[in-house]
């Protein structure tokens, strides 16, 4: 795999637009994390965002190395799929901890300690599952609805900075994960929208880049669906 392909589209797109991208992941993924950061000319920080002191550690790093932060993209996420009756407490708690509790704690710390700079942007990666739900993903859907709720509730607090917060809700996106789905399920996912096709990761990345751009200053507390007008959640 060529180095340029190692970086997720959102990071490459933000780097293209002039951002110095600070990439985060758990220490166990440190080698891959460094390759991604190098591919976009950014830097890396090994950090478990669910740790109790993670918000303070991240704030210290950004304040010391970069004098704060302009754009925060919450795209860390895990899945632990089971029907609710078979879901363990650990499967529920771990998905909530990564997908919504950690971003909420980081947001609060950044605002309280003025790490997010004037004109800052926060973008949370939600999902159509947070709007319409999904079989076997009660925990995941709840967290993605939570990401949308965070954007709606925090937007008024950010008004005085001024800064904005929004959520992006992708529908069916063509990824390695969706490529492993049974062909029938995959085709249904592709066709349940007005475009009758799956989206691409770059579609999501460009939406994030728009919300991070100064030209989106009038958009806050919103959820932008990247789903081709999916019937799910319509």
C-alpha atoms as a PDB file:
ATOM      1  CA  UNK A   1       0.000   0.000   0.000  1.00  0.00           C
ATOM      2  CA  UNK A   2       1.430   3.382  -0.954  1.00  0.00           C
ATOM      3  CA  UNK A   3       1.848   5.901   1.906  1.00  0.00           C
ATOM      4  CA  UNK A   4      -0.734   8.308   0.454  1.00  0.00           C
ATOM      5  CA  UNK A   5      -3.343   5.573   0.727  1.00  0.00           C
ATOM      6  CA  UNK A   6      -2.671   5.031   4.420  1.00  0.00           C
ATOM      7  CA  UNK A   7      -4.346   8.256   5.453  1.00  0.00           C
ATOM      8  CA  UNK A   8      -8.136   8.331   5.828  1.00  0.00           C
ATOM      9  CA  UNK A   9      -9.778  10.774   3.374  1.00  0.00           C
ATOM     10  CA  UNK A  10     -10.825  13.251   6.071  1.00  0.00           C
ATOM     11  CA  UNK A  11      -7.232  13.692   7.209  1.00  0.00           C
ATOM     12  CA  UNK A  12      -5.911  14.013   3.671  1.00  0.00           C
ATOM     13  CA  UNK A  13      -8.621  16.528   2.799  1.00  0.00           C
ATOM     14  CA  UNK A  14      -7.945  18.712   5.836  1.00  0.00           C
ATOM     15  CA  UNK A  15      -4.210  18.578   5.127  1.00  0.00           C
ATOM     16  CA  UNK A  16      -4.920  19.567   1.527  1.00  0.00           C
ATOM     17  CA  UNK A  17      -6.768  22.611   2.831  1.00  0.00           C
ATOM     18  CA  UNK A  18      -3.773  23.698   4.891  1.00  0.00           C
ATOM     19  CA  UNK A  19      -4.380  22.138   8.291  1.00  0.00           C
ATOM     20  CA  UNK A  20      -1.624  20.601  10.375  1.00  0.00           C
ATOM     21  CA  UNK A  21      -3.358  17.356  11.295  1.00  0.00           C
ATOM     22  CA  UNK A  22      -2.684  15.840  14.711  1.00  0.00           C
ATOM     23  CA  UNK A  23      -3.656  12.157  14.495  1.00  0.00           C
ATOM     24  CA  UNK A  24      -4.702  10.219  17.605  1.00  0.00           C
ATOM     25  CA  UNK A  25      -4.990   6.514  18.328  1.00  0.00           C
ATOM     26  CA  UNK A  26      -4.336   4.061  21.131  1.00  0.00           C
ATOM     27  CA  UNK A  27      -0.667   3.160  21.804  1.00  0.00           C
ATOM     28  CA  UNK A  28      -1.159  -0.333  20.392  1.00  0.00           C
ATOM     29  CA  UNK A  29      -1.729   1.250  16.967  1.00  0.00           C
ATOM     30  CA  UNK A  30       1.280   3.557  17.262  1.00  0.00           C
ATOM     31  CA  UNK A  31       3.150   2.277  14.203  1.00  0.00           C
ATOM     32  CA  UNK A  32       0.167   2.612  11.875  1.00  0.00           C
ATOM     33  CA  UNK A  33      -0.654   5.978  13.448  1.00  0.00           C
ATOM     34  CA  UNK A  34       2.801   7.334  12.630  1.00  0.00           C
ATOM     35  CA  UNK A  35       2.485   6.197   9.022  1.00  0.00           C
ATOM     36  CA  UNK A  36      -0.861   7.965   8.679  1.00  0.00           C
ATOM     37  CA  UNK A  37       0.509  11.170  10.215  1.00  0.00           C
ATOM     38  CA  UNK A  38       3.564  11.098   7.955  1.00  0.00           C
ATOM     39  CA  UNK A  39       1.375  10.559   4.890  1.00  0.00           C
ATOM     40  CA  UNK A  40      -0.421  13.864   5.488  1.00  0.00           C
ATOM     41  CA  UNK A  41       2.560  15.812   6.787  1.00  0.00           C
ATOM     42  CA  UNK A  42       1.041  15.947  10.264  1.00  0.00           C
ATOM     43  CA  UNK A  43       1.990  14.643  13.687  1.00  0.00           C
ATOM     44  CA  UNK A  44       0.751  11.879  15.938  1.00  0.00           C
ATOM     45  CA  UNK A  45      -0.226  11.438  19.570  1.00  0.00           C
ATOM     46  CA  UNK A  46      -0.693   8.034  21.150  1.00  0.00           C
ATOM     47  CA  UNK A  47      -3.599   8.355  23.545  1.00  0.00           C
ATOM     48  CA  UNK A  48      -6.549   6.326  24.799  1.00  0.00           C
ATOM     49  CA  UNK A  49      -9.314   8.925  24.659  1.00  0.00           C
ATOM     50  CA  UNK A  50     -11.389   6.974  27.191  1.00  0.00           C
ATOM     51  CA  UNK A  51      -8.752   7.367  29.917  1.00  0.00           C
ATOM     52  CA  UNK A  52      -9.730   9.582  32.842  1.00  0.00           C
ATOM     53  CA  UNK A  53      -6.959  12.108  32.179  1.00  0.00           C
ATOM     54  CA  UNK A  54      -7.184  11.978  28.362  1.00  0.00           C
ATOM     55  CA  UNK A  55      -8.927  15.370  27.903  1.00  0.00           C
ATOM     56  CA  UNK A  56      -6.289  17.127  30.025  1.00  0.00           C
ATOM     57  CA  UNK A  57      -3.417  15.315  28.301  1.00  0.00           C
ATOM     58  CA  UNK A  58      -4.759  16.175  24.866  1.00  0.00           C
ATOM     59  CA  UNK A  59      -5.354  19.796  25.853  1.00  0.00           C
ATOM     60  CA  UNK A  60      -1.809  20.070  27.234  1.00  0.00           C
ATOM     61  CA  UNK A  61      -0.340  18.646  24.031  1.00  0.00           C
ATOM     62  CA  UNK A  62      -2.305  20.961  21.755  1.00  0.00           C
ATOM     63  CA  UNK A  63      -1.722  24.038  23.894  1.00  0.00           C
ATOM     64  CA  UNK A  64       2.014  23.420  24.273  1.00  0.00           C
ATOM     65  CA  UNK A  65       2.797  22.313  20.723  1.00  0.00           C
ATOM     66  CA  UNK A  66       0.197  24.276  18.717  1.00  0.00           C
ATOM     67  CA  UNK A  67      -1.082  27.057  20.985  1.00  0.00           C
ATOM     68  CA  UNK A  68      -4.546  25.526  20.928  1.00  0.00           C
ATOM     69  CA  UNK A  69      -6.705  23.971  18.240  1.00  0.00           C
ATOM     70  CA  UNK A  70      -8.899  25.309  15.427  1.00  0.00           C
ATOM     71  CA  UNK A  71     -10.607  22.120  14.212  1.00  0.00           C
ATOM     72  CA  UNK A  72     -11.628  19.079  16.249  1.00  0.00           C
ATOM     73  CA  UNK A  73     -12.946  16.044  14.369  1.00  0.00           C
ATOM     74  CA  UNK A  74     -14.354  13.285  16.569  1.00  0.00           C
ATOM     75  CA  UNK A  75     -14.102  10.229  14.330  1.00  0.00           C
ATOM     76  CA  UNK A  76     -12.938   7.583  16.792  1.00  0.00           C
ATOM     77  CA  UNK A  77     -15.485   4.794  16.911  1.00  0.00           C
ATOM     78  CA  UNK A  78     -15.939   1.101  17.621  1.00  0.00           C
ATOM     79  CA  UNK A  79     -18.731  -1.420  17.145  1.00  0.00           C
ATOM     80  CA  UNK A  80     -19.697  -4.355  19.366  1.00  0.00           C
ATOM     81  CA  UNK A  81     -22.784  -5.613  17.568  1.00  0.00           C
ATOM     82  CA  UNK A  82     -25.308  -7.861  19.295  1.00  0.00           C
ATOM     83  CA  UNK A  83     -29.045  -7.870  19.741  1.00  0.00           C
ATOM     84  CA  UNK A  84     -29.916  -6.056  22.948  1.00  0.00           C
ATOM     85  CA  UNK A  85     -30.990  -9.253  24.708  1.00  0.00           C
ATOM     86  CA  UNK A  86     -27.567 -10.816  24.053  1.00  0.00           C
ATOM     87  CA  UNK A  87     -25.459  -7.701  24.569  1.00  0.00           C
ATOM     88  CA  UNK A  88     -23.170  -7.746  27.587  1.00  0.00           C
ATOM     89  CA  UNK A  89     -22.701  -4.762  29.869  1.00  0.00           C
ATOM     90  CA  UNK A  90     -19.100  -4.502  28.658  1.00  0.00           C
ATOM     91  CA  UNK A  91     -20.199  -4.352  25.003  1.00  0.00           C
ATOM     92  CA  UNK A  92     -22.639  -1.574  25.815  1.00  0.00           C
ATOM     93  CA  UNK A  93     -20.227   0.417  27.976  1.00  0.00           C
ATOM     94  CA  UNK A  94     -17.212   0.196  25.646  1.00  0.00           C
ATOM     95  CA  UNK A  95     -19.095   1.543  22.629  1.00  0.00           C
ATOM     96  CA  UNK A  96     -20.578   4.410  24.639  1.00  0.00           C
ATOM     97  CA  UNK A  97     -17.186   5.218  26.169  1.00  0.00           C
ATOM     98  CA  UNK A  98     -15.401   5.593  22.821  1.00  0.00           C
ATOM     99  CA  UNK A  99     -18.151   6.925  20.585  1.00  0.00           C
ATOM    100  CA  UNK A 100     -19.853   9.563  22.707  1.00  0.00           C
ATOM    101  CA  UNK A 101     -18.599   9.868  26.315  1.00  0.00           C
ATOM    102  CA  UNK A 102     -14.986  10.618  25.346  1.00  0.00           C
ATOM    103  CA  UNK A 103     -15.940  13.305  22.777  1.00  0.00           C
ATOM    104  CA  UNK A 104     -18.281  14.932  25.307  1.00  0.00           C
ATOM    105  CA  UNK A 105     -15.541  15.079  27.948  1.00  0.00           C
ATOM    106  CA  UNK A 106     -12.997  16.446  25.464  1.00  0.00           C
ATOM    107  CA  UNK A 107     -15.407  19.115  24.229  1.00  0.00           C
ATOM    108  CA  UNK A 108     -16.173  20.266  27.766  1.00  0.00           C
ATOM    109  CA  UNK A 109     -12.490  20.433  28.696  1.00  0.00           C
ATOM    110  CA  UNK A 110     -11.527  22.316  25.534  1.00  0.00           C
ATOM    111  CA  UNK A 111     -14.231  24.922  26.077  1.00  0.00           C
ATOM    112  CA  UNK A 112     -13.633  25.314  29.809  1.00  0.00           C
ATOM    113  CA  UNK A 113      -9.872  25.718  29.418  1.00  0.00           C
ATOM    114  CA  UNK A 114     -10.026  27.768  26.197  1.00  0.00           C
ATOM    115  CA  UNK A 115      -8.123  25.225  24.131  1.00  0.00           C
ATOM    116  CA  UNK A 116     -10.556  25.682  21.222  1.00  0.00           C
ATOM    117  CA  UNK A 117      -9.627  28.958  19.592  1.00  0.00           C
ATOM    118  CA  UNK A 118     -11.892  31.760  18.409  1.00  0.00           C
ATOM    119  CA  UNK A 119     -13.594  30.697  15.195  1.00  0.00           C
ATOM    120  CA  UNK A 120     -13.026  27.046  16.078  1.00  0.00           C
ATOM    121  CA  UNK A 121     -14.888  24.102  14.590  1.00  0.00           C
ATOM    122  CA  UNK A 122     -15.988  20.840  16.201  1.00  0.00           C
ATOM    123  CA  UNK A 123     -17.308  18.081  13.941  1.00  0.00           C
ATOM    124  CA  UNK A 124     -18.670  14.800  15.268  1.00  0.00           C
ATOM    125  CA  UNK A 125     -19.035  11.733  13.068  1.00  0.00           C
ATOM    126  CA  UNK A 126     -22.568  10.407  13.593  1.00  0.00           C
ATOM    127  CA  UNK A 127     -24.446   7.943  11.354  1.00  0.00           C
ATOM    128  CA  UNK A 128     -27.815   7.239   9.827  1.00  0.00           C
ATOM    129  CA  UNK A 129     -27.952   4.565  12.551  1.00  0.00           C
ATOM    130  CA  UNK A 130     -28.217   7.425  15.022  1.00  0.00           C
ATOM    131  CA  UNK A 131     -31.331   8.673  13.226  1.00  0.00           C
ATOM    132  CA  UNK A 132     -33.102   5.481  12.172  1.00  0.00           C
ATOM    133  CA  UNK A 133     -31.458   2.815  14.319  1.00  0.00           C
ATOM    134  CA  UNK A 134     -30.124  -0.484  13.024  1.00  0.00           C
ATOM    135  CA  UNK A 135     -30.786  -4.121  13.921  1.00  0.00           C
ATOM    136  CA  UNK A 136     -28.167  -5.493  16.285  1.00  0.00           C
ATOM    137  CA  UNK A 137     -26.650  -2.066  16.887  1.00  0.00           C
ATOM    138  CA  UNK A 138     -28.603  -0.620  19.796  1.00  0.00           C
ATOM    139  CA  UNK A 139     -25.382   0.516  21.485  1.00  0.00           C
ATOM    140  CA  UNK A 140     -23.916   1.971  18.289  1.00  0.00           C
ATOM    141  CA  UNK A 141     -27.138   3.711  17.286  1.00  0.00           C
ATOM    142  CA  UNK A 142     -27.516   5.202  20.757  1.00  0.00           C
ATOM    143  CA  UNK A 143     -24.009   6.659  20.598  1.00  0.00           C
ATOM    144  CA  UNK A 144     -24.515   8.143  17.151  1.00  0.00           C
ATOM    145  CA  UNK A 145     -27.768   9.739  18.287  1.00  0.00           C
ATOM    146  CA  UNK A 146     -25.712  11.055  21.184  1.00  0.00           C
ATOM    147  CA  UNK A 147     -23.203  12.646  18.794  1.00  0.00           C
ATOM    148  CA  UNK A 148     -26.078  14.525  17.161  1.00  0.00           C
ATOM    149  CA  UNK A 149     -27.383  15.526  20.591  1.00  0.00           C
ATOM    150  CA  UNK A 150     -23.960  16.869  21.588  1.00  0.00           C
ATOM    151  CA  UNK A 151     -23.912  19.136  18.542  1.00  0.00           C
ATOM    152  CA  UNK A 152     -27.378  20.460  19.281  1.00  0.00           C
ATOM    153  CA  UNK A 153     -26.793  21.107  22.988  1.00  0.00           C
ATOM    154  CA  UNK A 154     -23.261  22.516  22.824  1.00  0.00           C
ATOM    155  CA  UNK A 155     -23.882  24.923  19.917  1.00  0.00           C
ATOM    156  CA  UNK A 156     -25.420  27.674  22.123  1.00  0.00           C
ATOM    157  CA  UNK A 157     -22.450  27.517  24.521  1.00  0.00           C
ATOM    158  CA  UNK A 158     -19.994  27.998  21.650  1.00  0.00           C
ATOM    159  CA  UNK A 159     -21.810  31.063  20.321  1.00  0.00           C
ATOM    160  CA  UNK A 160     -19.850  33.463  22.521  1.00  0.00           C
ATOM    161  CA  UNK A 161     -16.408  32.324  21.309  1.00  0.00           C
ATOM    162  CA  UNK A 162     -17.610  32.319  18.506  1.00  0.00           C
ATOM    163  CA  UNK A 163     -17.212  28.696  17.383  1.00  0.00           C
ATOM    164  CA  UNK A 164     -19.415  26.027  15.846  1.00  0.00           C
ATOM    165  CA  UNK A 165     -20.204  22.360  16.372  1.00  0.00           C
ATOM    166  CA  UNK A 166     -21.986  20.072  13.915  1.00  0.00           C
ATOM    167  CA  UNK A 167     -22.478  16.382  13.167  1.00  0.00           C
ATOM    168  CA  UNK A 168     -22.074  14.439   9.924  1.00  0.00           C
ATOM    169  CA  UNK A 169     -24.305  11.386   9.447  1.00  0.00           C
ATOM    170  CA  UNK A 170     -23.130   9.060   6.651  1.00  0.00           C
ATOM    171  CA  UNK A 171     -25.429   6.480   5.115  1.00  0.00           C
ATOM    172  CA  UNK A 172     -24.139   3.449   3.206  1.00  0.00           C
ATOM    173  CA  UNK A 173     -20.484   4.177   2.378  1.00  0.00           C
ATOM    174  CA  UNK A 174     -18.297   1.919   0.227  1.00  0.00           C
ATOM    175  CA  UNK A 175     -15.529   0.809   2.594  1.00  0.00           C
ATOM    176  CA  UNK A 176     -13.586  -2.372   3.336  1.00  0.00           C
ATOM    177  CA  UNK A 177     -16.081  -3.070   6.108  1.00  0.00           C
ATOM    178  CA  UNK A 178     -19.151  -2.802   3.854  1.00  0.00           C
ATOM    179  CA  UNK A 179     -17.349  -4.820   1.158  1.00  0.00           C
ATOM    180  CA  UNK A 180     -17.322  -7.768   3.567  1.00  0.00           C
ATOM    181  CA  UNK A 181     -21.126  -7.725   3.916  1.00  0.00           C
ATOM    182  CA  UNK A 182     -23.248 -10.356   2.166  1.00  0.00           C
ATOM    183  CA  UNK A 183     -23.902  -9.245  -1.402  1.00  0.00           C
ATOM    184  CA  UNK A 184     -27.687  -8.952  -0.908  1.00  0.00           C
ATOM    185  CA  UNK A 185     -27.319  -6.728   2.163  1.00  0.00           C
ATOM    186  CA  UNK A 186     -24.745  -4.635   0.347  1.00  0.00           C
ATOM    187  CA  UNK A 187     -26.967  -4.107  -2.676  1.00  0.00           C
ATOM    188  CA  UNK A 188     -29.925  -3.111  -0.512  1.00  0.00           C
ATOM    189  CA  UNK A 189     -27.709  -0.575   1.256  1.00  0.00           C
ATOM    190  CA  UNK A 190     -26.663   0.864  -2.086  1.00  0.00           C
ATOM    191  CA  UNK A 191     -30.164   1.155  -3.520  1.00  0.00           C
ATOM    192  CA  UNK A 192     -32.112   2.547  -0.556  1.00  0.00           C
ATOM    193  CA  UNK A 193     -31.476   6.149  -1.561  1.00  0.00           C
ATOM    194  CA  UNK A 194     -32.296   8.567  -4.340  1.00  0.00           C
ATOM    195  CA  UNK A 195     -28.888   8.136  -5.988  1.00  0.00           C
ATOM    196  CA  UNK A 196     -29.217   4.318  -6.019  1.00  0.00           C
ATOM    197  CA  UNK A 197     -25.540   3.930  -5.173  1.00  0.00           C
ATOM    198  CA  UNK A 198     -23.250   3.778  -2.195  1.00  0.00           C
ATOM    199  CA  UNK A 199     -21.345   6.827  -1.079  1.00  0.00           C
ATOM    200  CA  UNK A 200     -17.553   7.114  -0.945  1.00  0.00           C
ATOM    201  CA  UNK A 201     -15.317   8.031   2.006  1.00  0.00           C
ATOM    202  CA  UNK A 202     -14.286  11.196   0.163  1.00  0.00           C
ATOM    203  CA  UNK A 203     -17.936  12.331   0.226  1.00  0.00           C
ATOM    204  CA  UNK A 204     -17.818  12.300   4.019  1.00  0.00           C
ATOM    205  CA  UNK A 205     -14.362  13.877   4.087  1.00  0.00           C
ATOM    206  CA  UNK A 206     -15.416  16.812   1.924  1.00  0.00           C
ATOM    207  CA  UNK A 207     -18.453  17.426   4.136  1.00  0.00           C
ATOM    208  CA  UNK A 208     -16.222  17.519   7.204  1.00  0.00           C
ATOM    209  CA  UNK A 209     -13.853  19.890   5.375  1.00  0.00           C
ATOM    210  CA  UNK A 210     -16.755  22.211   4.528  1.00  0.00           C
ATOM    211  CA  UNK A 211     -17.901  22.322   8.157  1.00  0.00           C
ATOM    212  CA  UNK A 212     -14.291  23.072   9.161  1.00  0.00           C
ATOM    213  CA  UNK A 213     -14.001  25.913   6.645  1.00  0.00           C
ATOM    214  CA  UNK A 214     -14.487  29.592   7.621  1.00  0.00           C
ATOM    215  CA  UNK A 215     -17.279  29.746   5.028  1.00  0.00           C
ATOM    216  CA  UNK A 216     -19.493  27.533   7.214  1.00  0.00           C
ATOM    217  CA  UNK A 217     -19.584  30.011  10.109  1.00  0.00           C
ATOM    218  CA  UNK A 218     -23.380  30.284   9.893  1.00  0.00           C
ATOM    219  CA  UNK A 219     -23.901  26.535  10.420  1.00  0.00           C
ATOM    220  CA  UNK A 220     -23.969  25.222  13.990  1.00  0.00           C
ATOM    221  CA  UNK A 221     -25.943  22.674  15.946  1.00  0.00           C
ATOM    222  CA  UNK A 222     -26.853  20.837  12.735  1.00  0.00           C
ATOM    223  CA  UNK A 223     -26.602  17.301  11.401  1.00  0.00           C
ATOM    224  CA  UNK A 224     -25.621  16.943   7.747  1.00  0.00           C
ATOM    225  CA  UNK A 225     -26.656  13.650   6.192  1.00  0.00           C
ATOM    226  CA  UNK A 226     -24.306  12.176   3.594  1.00  0.00           C
ATOM    227  CA  UNK A 227     -26.663   9.468   2.446  1.00  0.00           C
ATOM    228  CA  UNK A 228     -27.999  10.304  -1.017  1.00  0.00           C
ATOM    229  CA  UNK A 229     -31.459  10.916   0.537  1.00  0.00           C
ATOM    230  CA  UNK A 230     -31.599   7.496   2.136  1.00  0.00           C
ATOM    231  CA  UNK A 231     -35.038   6.118   2.895  1.00  0.00           C
ATOM    232  CA  UNK A 232     -33.723   5.190   6.347  1.00  0.00           C
ATOM    233  CA  UNK A 233     -34.706   7.859   8.818  1.00  0.00           C
ATOM    234  CA  UNK A 234     -36.606   9.816   6.159  1.00  0.00           C
END
